[in-house]
Amino acid sequence: MNDTPGWASPGSAPSDDQEAGVPRPSAPVDGSGPAGDRSPTQPPAGQWSPPTGYGTPPPHPGWGVPPQGPGWGRPPAAAKPGVIPLRPLGVGEILDGAVSTMRAHWRTVLGITLAVSVVAQTAILLVQRYLLPEPASIDRNATGSEALRQATDSLRSSLLNTAPPLLISMLATIFTTAVLTVVISRSVVGRPVTLSGAWAEARPRLLPLLGLTFLLALMAAALMTAGILPGFLIGDTAGVGLAFIGLLAAGGVFLWLMVRFCLASPALMLERQSITASMRRSAKLVRGAWWRTFGILALTWLLTLIVTLVIGVPFGIIAMAVDDGGLSAFLTDGANSFGWPFLIVSAIGDVVIATITYPLSAGVMALLYVDQRIRREALDLDLARAAGLPGYDHRS
């Protein structure tokens, strides 16, 4: 046990087939254990008879009913030194923990997300305005090989236009995820955290996190290429159908792998694991809980989409209203016809969206990691010790 955000030295917490550190109940000392340890003075099994009157209404209202109230007839409430109770979490508690972290440390969270999103959106705005090429034109009347060539050119142009903004967004996500994961790890045990302290904790792990993100992106690109390449090589109608089937198959494999490795980032940050070790760690923690993990992530993505639409649609309408060209220019000349007013208002909307969604996504991912370790490795005991709760050993 140490004071690092992982609450345990790297690799010290067992997983799956390593359960030596999980406390086990000791053997009973009063002869109440398994049948082979039963005291000879006790009646043999199967000869116990219920007391007289069993199965009839109790002679007084309330008799035979387990006592209620604090400490009676129910397990004690789990300790809650921070934003979550120290026990296996439900879906609502994971989401509530992420939101509670945003409320409890709003200055730190807002400072991180607002600064990063402003820088990222400014860079995207400049790249879109000055560096990206014009989209390839398509003749809707083209057929045969000419139509396939134009479709290929259009796809290449789209990739070139979307790659720089995606790269900038990826870097912004990496930065905010690294710092916010540290903030969340402190909030779980009720410790205060500052922006400078979180940055000092996260800075040494930025390069490994960057490598992990690019490795997962490379895996995704390789899967998608392998899925659609045979269809493009064949060409004609049969090739299009094969490419579509390959794209679906590659998408399924990609989804399975992304859920399997979704906890690699928190493991890398909080346990100080290497890239490959964090991926193996994530695979162990997700094993046997893939569908539950997928459901929580899908719900998070849905909430993120709702927030994006609720905020993005009004900003998009305002951006079109203040732009000189308006909607008619967009329908005739495309997105590049918009001027600076549209781009600036849209960028402001994207900043607001990122400021809300970045902490939500990072919080859910970190708390999902904590929940899986509590379920599999009794991490709640280490968390209670790290929080300094009474009644827990402070052994190292």
Protein backbone atom coordinates (compact mmCIF):
# COMPACT_ATOMS: atom_id res chain seq x y z
CA MET A 1 0.00 0.00 0.00
CA ASN A 2 1.33 3.43 -0.90
CA ASP A 3 0.03 6.88 -1.67
CA THR A 4 0.19 6.72 -5.45
CA PRO A 5 -3.09 7.16 -7.35
CA GLY A 6 -3.26 3.40 -7.89
CA TRP A 7 -3.60 2.83 -4.12
CA ALA A 8 -1.33 -0.21 -4.51
CA SER A 9 2.09 -0.82 -5.95
CA PRO A 10 2.05 -1.89 -9.62
CA GLY A 11 1.04 -5.49 -9.99
CA SER A 12 0.47 -6.00 -6.27
CA ALA A 13 -3.27 -6.48 -6.63
CA PRO A 14 -4.08 -10.00 -7.84
CA SER A 15 -6.47 -10.66 -10.66
CA ASP A 16 -8.29 -13.72 -11.92
CA ASP A 17 -5.97 -16.56 -10.99
CA GLN A 18 -4.02 -14.51 -8.46
CA GLU A 19 -6.32 -14.16 -5.48
CA ALA A 20 -3.81 -14.64 -2.69
CA GLY A 21 -4.30 -11.12 -1.39
CA VAL A 22 -8.07 -11.34 -1.05
CA PRO A 23 -9.05 -11.95 2.58
CA ARG A 24 -10.66 -15.32 3.24
CA PRO A 25 -12.90 -16.13 6.22
CA SER A 26 -11.08 -18.12 8.86
CA ALA A 27 -12.21 -21.59 9.91
CA PRO A 28 -14.82 -21.62 12.69
CA VAL A 29 -13.53 -22.45 16.13
CA ASP A 30 -16.79 -23.50 17.75
CA GLY A 31 -17.52 -26.61 15.71
CA SER A 32 -19.95 -24.87 13.42
CA GLY A 33 -18.00 -25.55 10.24
CA PRO A 34 -18.59 -28.24 7.58
CA ALA A 35 -20.33 -31.47 8.39
CA GLY A 36 -17.04 -33.26 9.01
CA ASP A 37 -16.17 -30.78 11.78
CA ARG A 38 -19.52 -30.99 13.62
CA SER A 39 -19.31 -31.51 17.36
CA PRO A 40 -20.41 -35.01 18.52
CA THR A 41 -22.80 -33.38 21.01
CA GLN A 42 -24.86 -31.83 18.24
CA PRO A 43 -27.82 -33.71 16.74
CA PRO A 44 -27.13 -35.34 13.38
CA ALA A 45 -28.16 -33.53 10.23
CA GLY A 46 -31.80 -33.83 9.24
CA GLN A 47 -33.18 -34.21 12.81
CA TRP A 48 -33.73 -30.52 13.53
CA SER A 49 -37.42 -29.69 14.06
CA PRO A 50 -39.00 -26.23 13.99
CA PRO A 51 -40.26 -24.70 17.20
CA THR A 52 -43.88 -25.10 18.21
CA GLY A 53 -46.26 -22.91 16.30
CA TYR A 54 -43.93 -22.45 13.33
CA GLY A 55 -45.89 -21.44 10.26
CA THR A 56 -48.74 -19.84 12.26
CA PRO A 57 -49.21 -16.09 12.78
CA PRO A 58 -47.09 -14.73 15.62
CA PRO A 59 -48.95 -14.27 18.96
CA HIS A 60 -48.21 -10.56 18.96
CA PRO A 61 -47.98 -8.05 16.10
CA GLY A 62 -44.36 -7.72 15.07
CA TRP A 63 -43.21 -11.02 16.61
CA GLY A 64 -41.15 -13.13 14.28
CA VAL A 65 -40.30 -10.11 12.12
CA PRO A 66 -36.59 -9.25 11.90
CA PRO A 67 -35.82 -6.06 13.81
CA GLN A 68 -35.42 -3.02 11.58
CA GLY A 69 -33.41 0.10 11.92
CA PRO A 70 -29.71 0.97 11.71
CA GLY A 71 -27.58 -2.07 12.46
CA TRP A 72 -30.52 -4.51 12.60
CA GLY A 73 -31.32 -7.12 9.97
CA ARG A 74 -29.22 -5.49 7.22
CA PRO A 75 -25.51 -5.19 6.41
CA PRO A 76 -23.80 -2.01 7.55
CA ALA A 77 -23.60 0.78 5.01
CA ALA A 78 -20.36 0.89 3.04
CA ALA A 79 -17.89 3.59 3.94
CA LYS A 80 -17.92 6.59 1.63
CA PRO A 81 -14.87 8.77 2.20
CA GLY A 82 -15.17 10.34 -1.26
CA VAL A 83 -17.52 10.39 -4.24
CA ILE A 84 -18.41 6.67 -4.23
CA PRO A 85 -19.19 4.07 -1.56
CA LEU A 86 -16.41 1.53 -1.09
CA ARG A 87 -18.24 -1.51 -2.44
CA PRO A 88 -19.23 -2.87 -5.87
CA LEU A 89 -20.95 -0.07 -7.74
CA GLY A 90 -24.12 0.06 -9.76
CA VAL A 91 -24.40 1.83 -13.09
CA GLY A 92 -26.10 4.84 -11.54
CA GLU A 93 -23.42 5.11 -8.85
CA ILE A 94 -20.66 5.15 -11.48
CA LEU A 95 -22.38 7.96 -13.39
CA ASP A 96 -23.18 9.81 -10.17
CA GLY A 97 -19.56 9.45 -9.03
CA ALA A 98 -18.34 11.05 -12.26
CA VAL A 99 -20.77 13.96 -11.86
CA SER A 100 -19.96 14.30 -8.15
CA THR A 101 -16.27 14.59 -9.00
CA MET A 102 -17.08 17.43 -11.39
CA ARG A 103 -19.03 19.20 -8.64
CA ALA A 104 -16.56 18.57 -5.81
CA HIS A 105 -13.49 19.64 -7.79
CA TRP A 106 -15.10 21.98 -10.28
CA ARG A 107 -12.26 24.50 -10.25
CA THR A 108 -9.66 21.88 -11.14
CA VAL A 109 -11.91 20.05 -13.62
CA LEU A 110 -13.08 23.25 -15.29
CA GLY A 111 -9.55 24.61 -15.46
CA ILE A 112 -8.27 21.49 -17.20
CA THR A 113 -11.10 20.91 -19.65
CA LEU A 114 -11.72 24.55 -20.55
CA ALA A 115 -8.06 25.32 -21.21
CA VAL A 116 -7.47 22.18 -23.26
CA SER A 117 -10.68 22.48 -25.27
CA VAL A 118 -10.03 26.15 -26.10
CA VAL A 119 -6.52 25.37 -27.36
CA ALA A 120 -7.72 22.31 -29.29
CA GLN A 121 -10.66 24.07 -30.95
CA THR A 122 -8.50 27.04 -31.88
CA ALA A 123 -6.00 24.72 -33.55
CA ILE A 124 -8.79 22.83 -35.36
CA LEU A 125 -10.31 26.12 -36.50
CA LEU A 126 -7.04 27.33 -38.02
CA VAL A 127 -6.32 23.99 -39.65
CA GLN A 128 -9.76 23.80 -41.21
CA ARG A 129 -9.55 27.33 -42.51
CA TYR A 130 -6.02 27.46 -43.89
CA LEU A 131 -4.47 23.99 -44.25
CA LEU A 132 -7.13 21.54 -45.41
CA PRO A 133 -7.53 21.06 -49.18
CA GLU A 134 -10.74 21.55 -51.07
CA PRO A 135 -12.93 18.41 -51.13
CA ALA A 136 -12.82 16.35 -54.31
CA SER A 137 -15.67 16.95 -56.74
CA ILE A 138 -17.92 14.08 -57.79
CA ASP A 139 -19.82 13.72 -61.02
CA ARG A 140 -23.14 12.13 -60.10
CA ASN A 141 -23.62 10.92 -63.66
CA ALA A 142 -20.37 8.94 -63.75
CA THR A 143 -20.62 5.16 -64.04
CA GLY A 144 -18.38 2.12 -64.00
CA SER A 145 -14.66 2.55 -63.34
CA GLU A 146 -14.94 6.33 -63.43
CA ALA A 147 -17.49 6.32 -60.62
CA LEU A 148 -15.26 3.99 -58.58
CA ARG A 149 -12.25 6.26 -59.16
CA GLN A 150 -14.20 9.33 -58.06
CA ALA A 151 -15.48 7.51 -54.99
CA THR A 152 -11.91 6.57 -54.10
CA ASP A 153 -10.74 10.15 -54.56
CA SER A 154 -13.62 11.40 -52.43
CA LEU A 155 -12.78 8.92 -49.67
CA ARG A 156 -9.11 9.94 -49.75
CA SER A 157 -10.07 13.61 -49.60
CA SER A 158 -12.41 13.00 -46.68
CA LEU A 159 -9.70 11.15 -44.77
CA LEU A 160 -7.23 13.98 -45.38
CA ASN A 161 -9.79 16.53 -44.20
CA THR A 162 -10.77 14.65 -41.05
CA ALA A 163 -7.35 13.33 -39.99
CA PRO A 164 -5.88 16.61 -38.60
CA PRO A 165 -8.95 17.53 -36.50
CA LEU A 166 -9.12 13.95 -35.23
CA LEU A 167 -5.44 14.02 -34.31
CA ILE A 168 -5.84 17.28 -32.42
CA SER A 169 -8.93 15.98 -30.62
CA MET A 170 -7.07 12.78 -29.74
CA LEU A 171 -4.19 14.73 -28.19
CA ALA A 172 -6.64 16.88 -26.23
CA THR A 173 -8.46 13.78 -24.99
CA ILE A 174 -5.18 12.16 -23.92
CA PHE A 175 -4.16 15.22 -21.93
CA THR A 176 -7.49 15.67 -20.18
CA THR A 177 -7.88 11.94 -19.51
CA ALA A 178 -4.46 11.77 -17.87
CA VAL A 179 -5.05 14.71 -15.53
CA LEU A 180 -8.70 13.93 -14.79
CA THR A 181 -7.90 10.31 -13.94
CA VAL A 182 -5.60 11.57 -11.18
CA VAL A 183 -8.32 13.95 -9.96
CA ILE A 184 -10.86 11.12 -9.81
CA SER A 185 -8.45 8.78 -8.03
CA ARG A 186 -8.03 11.37 -5.29
CA SER A 187 -11.74 12.11 -5.06
CA VAL A 188 -12.51 8.41 -4.47
CA VAL A 189 -10.62 8.50 -1.17
CA GLY A 190 -11.74 12.02 -0.28
CA ARG A 191 -8.41 13.74 -0.76
CA PRO A 192 -8.11 17.32 -1.98
CA VAL A 193 -6.43 17.89 -5.31
CA THR A 194 -5.14 20.94 -7.11
CA LEU A 195 -4.49 21.50 -10.79
CA SER A 196 -0.74 21.72 -10.25
CA GLY A 197 -0.72 18.56 -8.15
CA ALA A 198 -2.77 16.62 -10.68
CA TRP A 199 -0.51 17.80 -13.49
CA ALA A 200 2.60 16.76 -11.55
CA GLU A 201 1.11 13.27 -11.05
CA ALA A 202 -0.01 12.89 -14.66
CA ARG A 203 2.94 14.38 -16.53
CA PRO A 204 5.27 11.33 -16.34
CA ARG A 205 2.53 9.11 -17.81
CA LEU A 206 1.61 11.27 -20.81
CA LEU A 207 4.02 9.66 -23.26
CA PRO A 208 3.01 6.07 -22.36
CA LEU A 209 -0.65 7.10 -22.60
CA LEU A 210 0.05 8.66 -25.99
CA GLY A 211 1.69 5.44 -27.12
CA LEU A 212 -1.26 3.37 -25.90
CA THR A 213 -3.75 5.60 -27.71
CA PHE A 214 -1.84 5.46 -30.98
CA LEU A 215 -1.45 1.68 -30.68
CA LEU A 216 -5.20 1.25 -30.29
CA ALA A 217 -5.82 3.65 -33.19
CA LEU A 218 -3.37 1.68 -35.33
CA MET A 219 -5.17 -1.55 -34.46
CA ALA A 220 -8.48 0.03 -35.48
CA ALA A 221 -7.05 1.30 -38.78
CA ALA A 222 -5.53 -2.10 -39.56
CA LEU A 223 -8.82 -3.86 -38.85
CA MET A 224 -10.84 -1.52 -41.04
CA THR A 225 -8.31 -1.72 -43.86
CA ALA A 226 -8.31 -5.51 -43.73
CA GLY A 227 -12.10 -5.50 -43.81
CA ILE A 228 -12.68 -3.25 -46.82
CA LEU A 229 -9.51 -3.77 -48.88
CA PRO A 230 -10.61 -7.02 -50.60
CA GLY A 231 -13.80 -5.38 -51.82
CA PHE A 232 -11.96 -2.37 -53.23
CA LEU A 233 -9.49 -4.63 -55.00
CA ILE A 234 -12.28 -6.56 -56.68
CA GLY A 235 -14.22 -3.48 -57.73
CA ASP A 236 -17.68 -3.43 -59.44
CA THR A 237 -20.91 -4.28 -57.62
CA ALA A 238 -19.66 -7.51 -56.05
CA GLY A 239 -16.68 -5.66 -54.62
CA VAL A 240 -18.91 -3.04 -53.02
CA GLY A 241 -20.98 -5.75 -51.34
CA LEU A 242 -17.85 -7.55 -50.13
CA ALA A 243 -16.41 -4.31 -48.80
CA PHE A 244 -19.63 -3.64 -46.88
CA ILE A 245 -19.61 -7.14 -45.33
CA GLY A 246 -15.94 -6.79 -44.48
CA LEU A 247 -16.59 -3.41 -42.89
CA LEU A 248 -19.31 -4.89 -40.66
CA ALA A 249 -17.06 -7.78 -39.61
CA ALA A 250 -14.14 -5.45 -38.90
CA GLY A 251 -16.44 -3.15 -36.93
CA GLY A 252 -17.57 -6.05 -34.73
CA VAL A 253 -14.00 -7.12 -34.00
CA PHE A 254 -13.01 -3.51 -33.36
CA LEU A 255 -15.88 -3.06 -30.88
CA TRP A 256 -14.92 -6.24 -29.02
CA LEU A 257 -11.28 -5.18 -28.76
CA MET A 258 -12.07 -1.62 -27.68
CA VAL A 259 -14.26 -2.83 -24.80
CA ARG A 260 -11.65 -5.44 -23.87
CA PHE A 261 -8.93 -2.78 -23.67
CA CYS A 262 -11.04 0.11 -22.36
CA LEU A 263 -9.51 -0.08 -18.86
CA ALA A 264 -5.93 0.00 -20.15
CA SER A 265 -5.74 3.77 -19.78
CA PRO A 266 -6.69 3.86 -16.04
CA ALA A 267 -4.39 0.89 -15.39
CA LEU A 268 -1.53 2.67 -17.12
CA MET A 269 -2.12 5.87 -15.16
CA LEU A 270 -2.98 4.54 -11.70
CA GLU A 271 -0.82 1.41 -11.52
CA ARG A 272 2.14 2.86 -13.42
CA GLN A 273 1.95 -0.04 -15.86
CA SER A 274 3.65 -0.25 -19.24
CA ILE A 275 1.60 -0.14 -22.44
CA THR A 276 1.46 -3.89 -23.00
CA ALA A 277 1.03 -4.64 -19.28
CA SER A 278 -1.87 -2.20 -19.05
CA MET A 279 -3.57 -3.87 -22.02
CA ARG A 280 -3.18 -7.29 -20.38
CA ARG A 281 -4.47 -5.80 -17.12
CA SER A 282 -7.55 -4.42 -18.85
CA ALA A 283 -8.23 -7.77 -20.52
CA LYS A 284 -8.11 -9.48 -17.11
CA LEU A 285 -10.42 -6.99 -15.45
CA VAL A 286 -12.97 -7.05 -18.28
CA ARG A 287 -12.93 -10.85 -18.62
CA GLY A 288 -16.32 -12.23 -17.62
CA ALA A 289 -17.85 -8.72 -17.54
CA TRP A 290 -17.67 -7.74 -21.23
CA TRP A 291 -21.41 -7.17 -21.68
CA ARG A 292 -21.73 -5.17 -18.46
CA THR A 293 -18.75 -3.04 -19.44
CA PHE A 294 -20.15 -2.56 -22.93
CA GLY A 295 -23.53 -1.53 -21.51
CA ILE A 296 -22.00 1.10 -19.23
CA LEU A 297 -19.83 2.47 -22.03
CA ALA A 298 -22.78 2.50 -24.44
CA LEU A 299 -24.87 4.43 -21.91
CA THR A 300 -22.02 6.90 -21.48
CA TRP A 301 -21.73 7.34 -25.24
CA LEU A 302 -25.49 7.89 -25.44
CA LEU A 303 -25.38 10.55 -22.73
CA THR A 304 -22.44 12.20 -24.50
CA LEU A 305 -24.41 12.18 -27.75
CA ILE A 306 -27.43 13.74 -26.05
CA VAL A 307 -25.28 16.49 -24.52
CA THR A 308 -23.65 17.08 -27.91
CA LEU A 309 -27.01 17.43 -29.63
CA VAL A 310 -28.59 19.57 -26.92
CA ILE A 311 -25.70 22.03 -27.01
CA GLY A 312 -24.49 21.62 -30.59
CA VAL A 313 -27.80 22.10 -32.40
CA PRO A 314 -28.57 25.57 -30.94
CA PHE A 315 -24.99 26.71 -31.56
CA GLY A 316 -25.20 25.39 -35.12
CA ILE A 317 -28.42 27.31 -35.75
CA ILE A 318 -26.91 30.50 -34.31
CA ALA A 319 -23.75 29.98 -36.38
CA MET A 320 -25.77 29.71 -39.61
CA ALA A 321 -27.83 32.74 -38.65
CA VAL A 322 -24.83 35.01 -38.05
CA ASP A 323 -22.92 33.81 -41.13
CA ASP A 324 -23.33 35.84 -44.32
CA GLY A 325 -23.80 32.84 -46.61
CA GLY A 326 -26.28 31.04 -44.42
CA LEU A 327 -27.89 27.71 -45.14
CA SER A 328 -28.27 28.32 -48.88
CA ALA A 329 -24.51 28.66 -49.34
CA PHE A 330 -23.96 25.46 -47.40
CA LEU A 331 -26.39 23.55 -49.61
CA THR A 332 -24.81 24.81 -52.83
CA ASP A 333 -21.09 25.13 -52.05
CA GLY A 334 -20.59 22.83 -49.05
CA ALA A 335 -19.08 23.40 -45.61
CA ASN A 336 -16.10 25.37 -46.93
CA SER A 337 -18.44 28.21 -47.94
CA PHE A 338 -18.93 29.25 -44.32
CA GLY A 339 -17.01 32.27 -43.08
CA TRP A 340 -15.37 33.20 -39.82
CA PRO A 341 -18.60 33.95 -37.90
CA PHE A 342 -19.86 30.41 -38.47
CA LEU A 343 -16.51 28.84 -37.57
CA ILE A 344 -16.09 30.89 -34.40
CA VAL A 345 -19.61 30.26 -33.08
CA SER A 346 -19.30 26.55 -33.89
CA ALA A 347 -15.94 26.40 -32.11
CA ILE A 348 -17.48 28.02 -29.01
CA GLY A 349 -20.18 25.35 -29.02
CA ASP A 350 -17.54 22.63 -29.34
CA VAL A 351 -15.65 24.09 -26.38
CA VAL A 352 -18.79 23.96 -24.22
CA ILE A 353 -19.48 20.37 -25.31
CA ALA A 354 -15.92 19.26 -24.60
CA THR A 355 -15.91 20.96 -21.19
CA ILE A 356 -18.89 18.81 -20.16
CA THR A 357 -18.20 15.54 -21.93
CA TYR A 358 -14.46 15.17 -21.22
CA PRO A 359 -14.89 14.87 -17.42
CA LEU A 360 -17.92 12.59 -17.82
CA SER A 361 -16.12 10.12 -20.08
CA ALA A 362 -12.90 10.15 -18.06
CA GLY A 363 -14.82 9.77 -14.80
CA VAL A 364 -16.87 6.81 -15.98
CA MET A 365 -13.77 5.05 -17.30
CA ALA A 366 -11.78 5.55 -14.08
CA LEU A 367 -14.68 4.54 -11.81
CA LEU A 368 -15.41 1.50 -13.97
CA TYR A 369 -11.80 0.46 -13.43
CA VAL A 370 -12.17 1.00 -9.66
CA ASP A 371 -15.43 -0.98 -9.64
CA GLN A 372 -13.88 -3.96 -11.44
CA ARG A 373 -10.94 -4.02 -9.04
CA ILE A 374 -13.30 -3.87 -6.06
CA ARG A 375 -15.27 -6.80 -7.47
CA ARG A 376 -12.27 -8.93 -8.37
CA GLU A 377 -9.51 -7.87 -5.99
CA ALA A 378 -11.13 -6.37 -2.86
CA LEU A 379 -9.66 -2.97 -3.69
CA ASP A 380 -12.15 -1.40 -1.29
CA LEU A 381 -9.94 -2.53 1.60
CA ASP A 382 -6.94 -0.71 0.14
CA LEU A 383 -9.08 2.34 -0.56
CA ALA A 384 -10.32 2.40 3.04
CA ARG A 385 -6.73 2.23 4.29
CA ALA A 386 -5.68 4.97 1.87
CA ALA A 387 -8.56 7.14 3.13
CA GLY A 388 -7.45 6.59 6.73
CA LEU A 389 -10.75 5.12 7.86
CA PRO A 390 -10.79 3.73 11.41
CA GLY A 391 -10.83 -0.03 11.81
CA TYR A 392 -8.50 -0.82 8.90
CA ASP A 393 -4.89 -1.84 9.11
CA HIS A 394 -2.39 0.63 7.73
CA ARG A 395 0.02 -2.06 6.73
CA SER A 396 2.16 -1.49 3.68
